[in-house]
C-alpha cells in the first residue's frame, strides 16, 4: 500500500466537544475509518485532545453555559399573567393599595426572569484564561483561585446550589501588622454565585470545574443560619 493511499485512508469527519464520564468535557476528533498501516503522526493528531490527565489544556474551546431559557420564559409568562391579573382585579375593585403591594411582590421576580430570558450572554464561561460570565461578574484567572467548593441548602422552592471561590487579589499593597511593620500577606476575596437554573445540571458544572482545576471541588451542606453567618 502506497503512502498516498495510506493517507487517503484517514477521513476527518468533524471536531466536537464531548463529555467522558468521570473525566469531563474533551475536545476530540471523530474518525470515520483508518487503515492499520496509517502513519502514526496522523493517529496522534486525531487523539491529541483526548488526554485524560486533568491538565488545563484539555479543553481547546470555551465552554459556555447558558441559562435555562425555557424555565425563564415560562416563569416570565406565569408571573406576568398571574400578577397582571391580580393587579387589574384589585384596581377594578378600588383597592389601589393592595394592587401596589401585589406589583411589588410580583414585579421583582418578573423583572429577574424577563431580564434573564432576553439577555443573550452566557451565565458561565469556562475557557483557557479563566472563569467568567454574567453570574461570575468578571473573568477570574485560574491561577488566582486559592480555594473552591460548592454549597447546597434547602430553600423555599427547592435546593439551592452555589459555587464559592476564594480569589487572590492582584498585586496587593503592603499591609501593616499590629506592630506597625509592613507585611506581604496575600489579600483575598470571596466570589459566590448560583449554579442553578442553567442548561447544565449543577453537579456537572462542579465536575467540569474539577477537570479544569485538576483537583477535587467538595460540596458542603449549609443551613439558612450558617449561610447568613458566612456572609
C-alpha atoms as a PDB file:
ATOM      1  CA  UNK A   1       0.000   0.000   0.000  1.00  0.00           C
ATOM      2  CA  UNK A   2       1.460   3.336  -1.029  1.00  0.00           C
ATOM      3  CA  UNK A   3       1.961   6.231   1.356  1.00  0.00           C
ATOM      4  CA  UNK A   4      -0.606   8.261  -0.621  1.00  0.00           C
ATOM      5  CA  UNK A   5      -3.205   5.531  -0.288  1.00  0.00           C
ATOM      6  CA  UNK A   6      -2.454   5.276   3.408  1.00  0.00           C
ATOM      7  CA  UNK A   7      -3.108   8.988   3.938  1.00  0.00           C
ATOM      8  CA  UNK A   8      -6.325   8.838   1.993  1.00  0.00           C
ATOM      9  CA  UNK A   9      -7.488   6.053   4.267  1.00  0.00           C
ATOM     10  CA  UNK A  10      -7.982   8.557   7.104  1.00  0.00           C
ATOM     11  CA  UNK A  11     -11.043  10.766   6.821  1.00  0.00           C
ATOM     12  CA  UNK A  12     -11.544  13.568   9.362  1.00  0.00           C
ATOM     13  CA  UNK A  13     -15.285  13.903   9.912  1.00  0.00           C
ATOM     14  CA  UNK A  14     -15.667  16.683  12.453  1.00  0.00           C
ATOM     15  CA  UNK A  15     -14.349  18.220  15.611  1.00  0.00           C
ATOM     16  CA  UNK A  16     -16.674  18.197  18.578  1.00  0.00           C
ATOM     17  CA  UNK A  17     -16.836  18.742  22.362  1.00  0.00           C
ATOM     18  CA  UNK A  18     -17.730  15.524  24.154  1.00  0.00           C
ATOM     19  CA  UNK A  19     -18.199  14.610  27.797  1.00  0.00           C
ATOM     20  CA  UNK A  20     -16.458  11.495  29.106  1.00  0.00           C
ATOM     21  CA  UNK A  21     -17.906  10.105  32.398  1.00  0.00           C
ATOM     22  CA  UNK A  22     -15.694  10.866  35.425  1.00  0.00           C
ATOM     23  CA  UNK A  23     -13.349  12.880  33.178  1.00  0.00           C
ATOM     24  CA  UNK A  24     -15.185  15.907  31.827  1.00  0.00           C
ATOM     25  CA  UNK A  25     -15.570  17.808  28.604  1.00  0.00           C
ATOM     26  CA  UNK A  26     -12.997  16.966  25.966  1.00  0.00           C
ATOM     27  CA  UNK A  27     -12.399  18.357  22.521  1.00  0.00           C
ATOM     28  CA  UNK A  28     -11.965  15.367  20.226  1.00  0.00           C
ATOM     29  CA  UNK A  29     -11.938  14.327  16.589  1.00  0.00           C
ATOM     30  CA  UNK A  30     -14.268  11.673  15.260  1.00  0.00           C
ATOM     31  CA  UNK A  31     -12.680   9.456  12.588  1.00  0.00           C
ATOM     32  CA  UNK A  32     -14.823   7.630  10.087  1.00  0.00           C
ATOM     33  CA  UNK A  33     -12.187   4.993   9.313  1.00  0.00           C
ATOM     34  CA  UNK A  34      -8.456   4.432   9.127  1.00  0.00           C
ATOM     35  CA  UNK A  35      -6.284   1.517   7.937  1.00  0.00           C
ATOM     36  CA  UNK A  36      -3.928  -0.434  10.139  1.00  0.00           C
ATOM     37  CA  UNK A  37      -0.921   0.978   8.301  1.00  0.00           C
ATOM     38  CA  UNK A  38      -1.858   4.642   8.753  1.00  0.00           C
ATOM     39  CA  UNK A  39       1.051   6.917   9.723  1.00  0.00           C
ATOM     40  CA  UNK A  40       1.452   7.302  13.489  1.00  0.00           C
ATOM     41  CA  UNK A  41       1.542  11.106  13.244  1.00  0.00           C
ATOM     42  CA  UNK A  42      -1.993  11.164  11.843  1.00  0.00           C
ATOM     43  CA  UNK A  43      -3.272   8.943  14.621  1.00  0.00           C
ATOM     44  CA  UNK A  44      -1.599  11.144  17.218  1.00  0.00           C
ATOM     45  CA  UNK A  45      -3.226  14.218  15.666  1.00  0.00           C
ATOM     46  CA  UNK A  46      -6.644  12.609  15.826  1.00  0.00           C
ATOM     47  CA  UNK A  47      -6.351  11.953  19.564  1.00  0.00           C
ATOM     48  CA  UNK A  48      -4.252  14.905  20.677  1.00  0.00           C
ATOM     49  CA  UNK A  49      -7.177  16.332  22.709  1.00  0.00           C
ATOM     50  CA  UNK A  50      -8.058  13.025  24.390  1.00  0.00           C
ATOM     51  CA  UNK A  51      -5.599  13.396  27.248  1.00  0.00           C
ATOM     52  CA  UNK A  52      -7.283  12.199  30.449  1.00  0.00           C
ATOM     53  CA  UNK A  53      -4.749  13.661  32.875  1.00  0.00           C
ATOM     54  CA  UNK A  54      -6.933  16.590  34.016  1.00  0.00           C
ATOM     55  CA  UNK A  55      -4.491  19.241  32.787  1.00  0.00           C
ATOM     56  CA  UNK A  56      -5.611  22.733  31.799  1.00  0.00           C
ATOM     57  CA  UNK A  57      -5.071  22.147  28.067  1.00  0.00           C
ATOM     58  CA  UNK A  58      -7.812  19.522  27.773  1.00  0.00           C
ATOM     59  CA  UNK A  59     -10.412  21.982  26.540  1.00  0.00           C
ATOM     60  CA  UNK A  60      -9.365  23.836  23.419  1.00  0.00           C
ATOM     61  CA  UNK A  61     -12.554  25.871  23.045  1.00  0.00           C
ATOM     62  CA  UNK A  62     -14.565  27.802  25.651  1.00  0.00           C
ATOM     63  CA  UNK A  63     -17.482  26.080  27.355  1.00  0.00           C
ATOM     64  CA  UNK A  64     -20.432  28.475  27.512  1.00  0.00           C
ATOM     65  CA  UNK A  65     -23.208  27.573  29.931  1.00  0.00           C
ATOM     66  CA  UNK A  66     -26.448  29.449  29.282  1.00  0.00           C
ATOM     67  CA  UNK A  67     -29.465  29.899  31.491  1.00  0.00           C
ATOM     68  CA  UNK A  68     -32.422  27.577  31.069  1.00  0.00           C
ATOM     69  CA  UNK A  69     -34.414  29.801  28.719  1.00  0.00           C
ATOM     70  CA  UNK A  70     -37.452  27.521  28.749  1.00  0.00           C
ATOM     71  CA  UNK A  71     -37.639  27.877  32.527  1.00  0.00           C
ATOM     72  CA  UNK A  72     -37.096  31.643  32.445  1.00  0.00           C
ATOM     73  CA  UNK A  73     -39.607  32.111  29.638  1.00  0.00           C
ATOM     74  CA  UNK A  74     -42.282  30.050  31.405  1.00  0.00           C
ATOM     75  CA  UNK A  75     -41.673  31.904  34.682  1.00  0.00           C
ATOM     76  CA  UNK A  76     -41.914  35.277  32.918  1.00  0.00           C
ATOM     77  CA  UNK A  77     -45.253  34.395  31.322  1.00  0.00           C
ATOM     78  CA  UNK A  78     -46.645  32.885  34.540  1.00  0.00           C
ATOM     79  CA  UNK A  79     -45.694  35.841  36.720  1.00  0.00           C
ATOM     80  CA  UNK A  80     -46.910  38.320  34.119  1.00  0.00           C
ATOM     81  CA  UNK A  81     -50.306  36.651  33.754  1.00  0.00           C
ATOM     82  CA  UNK A  82     -50.904  35.966  37.449  1.00  0.00           C
ATOM     83  CA  UNK A  83     -49.518  39.261  38.695  1.00  0.00           C
ATOM     84  CA  UNK A  84     -51.124  41.367  35.987  1.00  0.00           C
ATOM     85  CA  UNK A  85     -54.496  39.713  36.522  1.00  0.00           C
ATOM     86  CA  UNK A  86     -54.358  40.230  40.285  1.00  0.00           C
ATOM     87  CA  UNK A  87     -53.368  43.884  39.902  1.00  0.00           C
ATOM     88  CA  UNK A  88     -56.168  44.502  37.394  1.00  0.00           C
ATOM     89  CA  UNK A  89     -58.783  42.969  39.689  1.00  0.00           C
ATOM     90  CA  UNK A  90     -57.676  44.993  42.697  1.00  0.00           C
ATOM     91  CA  UNK A  91     -57.697  48.242  40.719  1.00  0.00           C
ATOM     92  CA  UNK A  92     -61.168  47.476  39.396  1.00  0.00           C
ATOM     93  CA  UNK A  93     -62.305  46.876  42.980  1.00  0.00           C
ATOM     94  CA  UNK A  94     -60.822  50.190  44.093  1.00  0.00           C
ATOM     95  CA  UNK A  95     -58.061  48.608  46.210  1.00  0.00           C
ATOM     96  CA  UNK A  96     -55.149  50.604  44.859  1.00  0.00           C
ATOM     97  CA  UNK A  97     -53.007  49.933  47.919  1.00  0.00           C
ATOM     98  CA  UNK A  98     -53.375  46.159  47.545  1.00  0.00           C
ATOM     99  CA  UNK A  99     -52.588  46.475  43.847  1.00  0.00           C
ATOM    100  CA  UNK A 100     -49.343  48.288  44.685  1.00  0.00           C
ATOM    101  CA  UNK A 101     -48.346  45.564  47.150  1.00  0.00           C
ATOM    102  CA  UNK A 102     -49.014  42.865  44.540  1.00  0.00           C
ATOM    103  CA  UNK A 103     -46.981  44.819  41.972  1.00  0.00           C
ATOM    104  CA  UNK A 104     -44.040  44.972  44.385  1.00  0.00           C
ATOM    105  CA  UNK A 105     -44.255  41.263  45.224  1.00  0.00           C
ATOM    106  CA  UNK A 106     -44.524  40.081  41.619  1.00  0.00           C
ATOM    107  CA  UNK A 107     -42.545  42.883  39.987  1.00  0.00           C
ATOM    108  CA  UNK A 108     -39.108  41.909  41.275  1.00  0.00           C
ATOM    109  CA  UNK A 109     -39.390  38.266  40.256  1.00  0.00           C
ATOM    110  CA  UNK A 110     -40.941  39.186  36.902  1.00  0.00           C
ATOM    111  CA  UNK A 111     -38.090  41.603  36.127  1.00  0.00           C
ATOM    112  CA  UNK A 112     -35.463  38.995  37.116  1.00  0.00           C
ATOM    113  CA  UNK A 113     -36.840  36.254  34.872  1.00  0.00           C
ATOM    114  CA  UNK A 114     -37.685  38.598  31.980  1.00  0.00           C
ATOM    115  CA  UNK A 115     -34.193  40.123  32.017  1.00  0.00           C
ATOM    116  CA  UNK A 116     -32.556  36.714  32.125  1.00  0.00           C
ATOM    117  CA  UNK A 117     -34.731  35.453  29.272  1.00  0.00           C
ATOM    118  CA  UNK A 118     -33.862  38.250  26.847  1.00  0.00           C
ATOM    119  CA  UNK A 119     -30.124  38.512  27.625  1.00  0.00           C
ATOM    120  CA  UNK A 120     -28.070  36.516  25.101  1.00  0.00           C
ATOM    121  CA  UNK A 121     -24.826  36.408  27.108  1.00  0.00           C
ATOM    122  CA  UNK A 122     -23.864  33.085  28.762  1.00  0.00           C
ATOM    123  CA  UNK A 123     -24.219  32.775  32.516  1.00  0.00           C
ATOM    124  CA  UNK A 124     -20.876  30.970  32.954  1.00  0.00           C
ATOM    125  CA  UNK A 125     -17.887  30.792  30.587  1.00  0.00           C
ATOM    126  CA  UNK A 126     -15.036  28.344  31.170  1.00  0.00           C
ATOM    127  CA  UNK A 127     -12.001  28.774  28.927  1.00  0.00           C
ATOM    128  CA  UNK A 128      -8.207  28.609  28.973  1.00  0.00           C
ATOM    129  CA  UNK A 129      -7.858  32.058  30.552  1.00  0.00           C
ATOM    130  CA  UNK A 130     -10.201  31.579  33.474  1.00  0.00           C
ATOM    131  CA  UNK A 131     -13.776  31.579  34.719  1.00  0.00           C
ATOM    132  CA  UNK A 132     -16.208  34.267  33.581  1.00  0.00           C
ATOM    133  CA  UNK A 133     -19.773  35.009  32.515  1.00  0.00           C
ATOM    134  CA  UNK A 134     -22.697  37.072  33.742  1.00  0.00           C
ATOM    135  CA  UNK A 135     -23.040  35.255  37.051  1.00  0.00           C
ATOM    136  CA  UNK A 136     -19.338  35.462  37.831  1.00  0.00           C
ATOM    137  CA  UNK A 137     -19.269  39.162  37.012  1.00  0.00           C
ATOM    138  CA  UNK A 138     -15.753  39.219  35.580  1.00  0.00           C
ATOM    139  CA  UNK A 139     -13.014  36.911  34.329  1.00  0.00           C
ATOM    140  CA  UNK A 140     -11.149  35.184  37.175  1.00  0.00           C
ATOM    141  CA  UNK A 141      -7.801  33.646  36.130  1.00  0.00           C
ATOM    142  CA  UNK A 142      -7.358  30.016  37.161  1.00  0.00           C
ATOM    143  CA  UNK A 143      -4.094  30.776  38.934  1.00  0.00           C
ATOM    144  CA  UNK A 144      -5.764  33.268  41.280  1.00  0.00           C
ATOM    145  CA  UNK A 145      -8.258  30.722  42.700  1.00  0.00           C
ATOM    146  CA  UNK A 146      -6.815  29.509  46.003  1.00  0.00           C
ATOM    147  CA  UNK A 147      -9.898  27.640  47.250  1.00  0.00           C
ATOM    148  CA  UNK A 148     -13.195  26.482  45.763  1.00  0.00           C
ATOM    149  CA  UNK A 149     -16.200  24.483  46.940  1.00  0.00           C
ATOM    150  CA  UNK A 150     -19.891  24.100  46.215  1.00  0.00           C
ATOM    151  CA  UNK A 151     -22.695  24.611  48.724  1.00  0.00           C
ATOM    152  CA  UNK A 152     -26.220  23.220  48.880  1.00  0.00           C
ATOM    153  CA  UNK A 153     -29.029  24.232  51.217  1.00  0.00           C
ATOM    154  CA  UNK A 154     -32.768  23.878  51.343  1.00  0.00           C
ATOM    155  CA  UNK A 155     -34.626  26.909  50.037  1.00  0.00           C
ATOM    156  CA  UNK A 156     -38.304  27.814  49.899  1.00  0.00           C
ATOM    157  CA  UNK A 157     -38.867  26.273  46.462  1.00  0.00           C
ATOM    158  CA  UNK A 158     -36.128  23.650  46.381  1.00  0.00           C
ATOM    159  CA  UNK A 159     -32.435  23.034  46.983  1.00  0.00           C
ATOM    160  CA  UNK A 160     -30.125  25.972  46.243  1.00  0.00           C
ATOM    161  CA  UNK A 161     -26.622  25.303  44.853  1.00  0.00           C
ATOM    162  CA  UNK A 162     -23.817  27.841  44.722  1.00  0.00           C
ATOM    163  CA  UNK A 163     -20.131  27.898  43.870  1.00  0.00           C
ATOM    164  CA  UNK A 164     -17.848  29.684  46.349  1.00  0.00           C
ATOM    165  CA  UNK A 165     -14.340  30.795  45.339  1.00  0.00           C
ATOM    166  CA  UNK A 166     -11.532  32.315  47.354  1.00  0.00           C
ATOM    167  CA  UNK A 167      -9.656  34.560  44.929  1.00  0.00           C
ATOM    168  CA  UNK A 168      -6.266  36.185  45.441  1.00  0.00           C
ATOM    169  CA  UNK A 169      -6.219  39.895  44.632  1.00  0.00           C
ATOM    170  CA  UNK A 170      -3.738  41.150  42.044  1.00  0.00           C
ATOM    171  CA  UNK A 171      -0.599  42.787  43.494  1.00  0.00           C
ATOM    172  CA  UNK A 172      -1.960  43.579  46.970  1.00  0.00           C
ATOM    173  CA  UNK A 173      -0.327  46.614  48.597  1.00  0.00           C
ATOM    174  CA  UNK A 174       1.830  46.079  51.714  1.00  0.00           C
ATOM    175  CA  UNK A 175      -0.186  45.910  54.935  1.00  0.00           C
ATOM    176  CA  UNK A 176       0.774  46.967  58.461  1.00  0.00           C
ATOM    177  CA  UNK A 177       0.559  44.415  61.240  1.00  0.00           C
ATOM    178  CA  UNK A 178      -0.248  45.134  64.907  1.00  0.00           C
ATOM    179  CA  UNK A 179       3.336  46.343  65.474  1.00  0.00           C
ATOM    180  CA  UNK A 180       3.233  48.790  62.587  1.00  0.00           C
ATOM    181  CA  UNK A 181       5.500  46.677  60.390  1.00  0.00           C
ATOM    182  CA  UNK A 182       4.823  46.161  56.729  1.00  0.00           C
ATOM    183  CA  UNK A 183       3.843  42.631  55.799  1.00  0.00           C
ATOM    184  CA  UNK A 184       3.317  40.911  52.454  1.00  0.00           C
ATOM    185  CA  UNK A 185       0.226  38.929  53.355  1.00  0.00           C
ATOM    186  CA  UNK A 186      -1.838  37.955  50.340  1.00  0.00           C
ATOM    187  CA  UNK A 187      -5.189  39.702  50.194  1.00  0.00           C
ATOM    188  CA  UNK A 188      -8.136  37.552  49.112  1.00  0.00           C
ATOM    189  CA  UNK A 189     -11.824  37.980  48.385  1.00  0.00           C
ATOM    190  CA  UNK A 190     -14.786  35.612  48.227  1.00  0.00           C
ATOM    191  CA  UNK A 191     -16.754  35.266  44.992  1.00  0.00           C
ATOM    192  CA  UNK A 192     -20.061  33.401  45.232  1.00  0.00           C
ATOM    193  CA  UNK A 193     -22.638  32.754  42.523  1.00  0.00           C
ATOM    194  CA  UNK A 194     -25.553  30.441  41.750  1.00  0.00           C
ATOM    195  CA  UNK A 195     -25.165  27.356  39.555  1.00  0.00           C
ATOM    196  CA  UNK A 196     -28.904  26.635  39.378  1.00  0.00           C
ATOM    197  CA  UNK A 197     -31.432  27.304  36.587  1.00  0.00           C
ATOM    198  CA  UNK A 198     -28.866  26.599  33.859  1.00  0.00           C
ATOM    199  CA  UNK A 199     -28.922  24.260  30.866  1.00  0.00           C
ATOM    200  CA  UNK A 200     -26.213  22.158  32.553  1.00  0.00           C
ATOM    201  CA  UNK A 201     -27.009  20.476  35.899  1.00  0.00           C
ATOM    202  CA  UNK A 202     -25.160  21.878  38.899  1.00  0.00           C
ATOM    203  CA  UNK A 203     -23.251  18.651  39.601  1.00  0.00           C
ATOM    204  CA  UNK A 204     -21.888  18.556  36.040  1.00  0.00           C
ATOM    205  CA  UNK A 205     -20.677  22.141  36.447  1.00  0.00           C
ATOM    206  CA  UNK A 206     -18.819  21.063  39.597  1.00  0.00           C
ATOM    207  CA  UNK A 207     -17.263  18.137  37.693  1.00  0.00           C
ATOM    208  CA  UNK A 208     -16.231  20.484  34.901  1.00  0.00           C
ATOM    209  CA  UNK A 209     -14.524  22.764  37.417  1.00  0.00           C
ATOM    210  CA  UNK A 210     -12.711  19.768  38.906  1.00  0.00           C
ATOM    211  CA  UNK A 211     -11.410  18.789  35.479  1.00  0.00           C
ATOM    212  CA  UNK A 212     -10.294  22.325  34.715  1.00  0.00           C
ATOM    213  CA  UNK A 213      -8.515  22.895  38.057  1.00  0.00           C
ATOM    214  CA  UNK A 214      -7.179  19.355  38.356  1.00  0.00           C
ATOM    215  CA  UNK A 215      -8.372  18.972  41.960  1.00  0.00           C
ATOM    216  CA  UNK A 216     -11.421  17.988  43.957  1.00  0.00           C
ATOM    217  CA  UNK A 217     -14.233  20.505  44.455  1.00  0.00           C
ATOM    218  CA  UNK A 218     -16.125  19.399  47.592  1.00  0.00           C
ATOM    219  CA  UNK A 219     -19.822  20.016  48.181  1.00  0.00           C
ATOM    220  CA  UNK A 220     -20.779  21.356  51.607  1.00  0.00           C
ATOM    221  CA  UNK A 221     -24.289  21.278  53.024  1.00  0.00           C
ATOM    222  CA  UNK A 222     -25.369  24.554  54.629  1.00  0.00           C
ATOM    223  CA  UNK A 223     -28.338  25.673  56.670  1.00  0.00           C
ATOM    224  CA  UNK A 224     -30.036  29.038  56.347  1.00  0.00           C
ATOM    225  CA  UNK A 225     -28.336  30.327  59.505  1.00  0.00           C
ATOM    226  CA  UNK A 226     -24.868  29.119  58.517  1.00  0.00           C
ATOM    227  CA  UNK A 227     -25.236  30.822  55.138  1.00  0.00           C
ATOM    228  CA  UNK A 228     -26.072  34.115  56.872  1.00  0.00           C
ATOM    229  CA  UNK A 229     -23.087  33.799  59.226  1.00  0.00           C
ATOM    230  CA  UNK A 230     -20.763  33.118  56.282  1.00  0.00           C
ATOM    231  CA  UNK A 231     -21.752  36.454  54.721  1.00  0.00           C
END
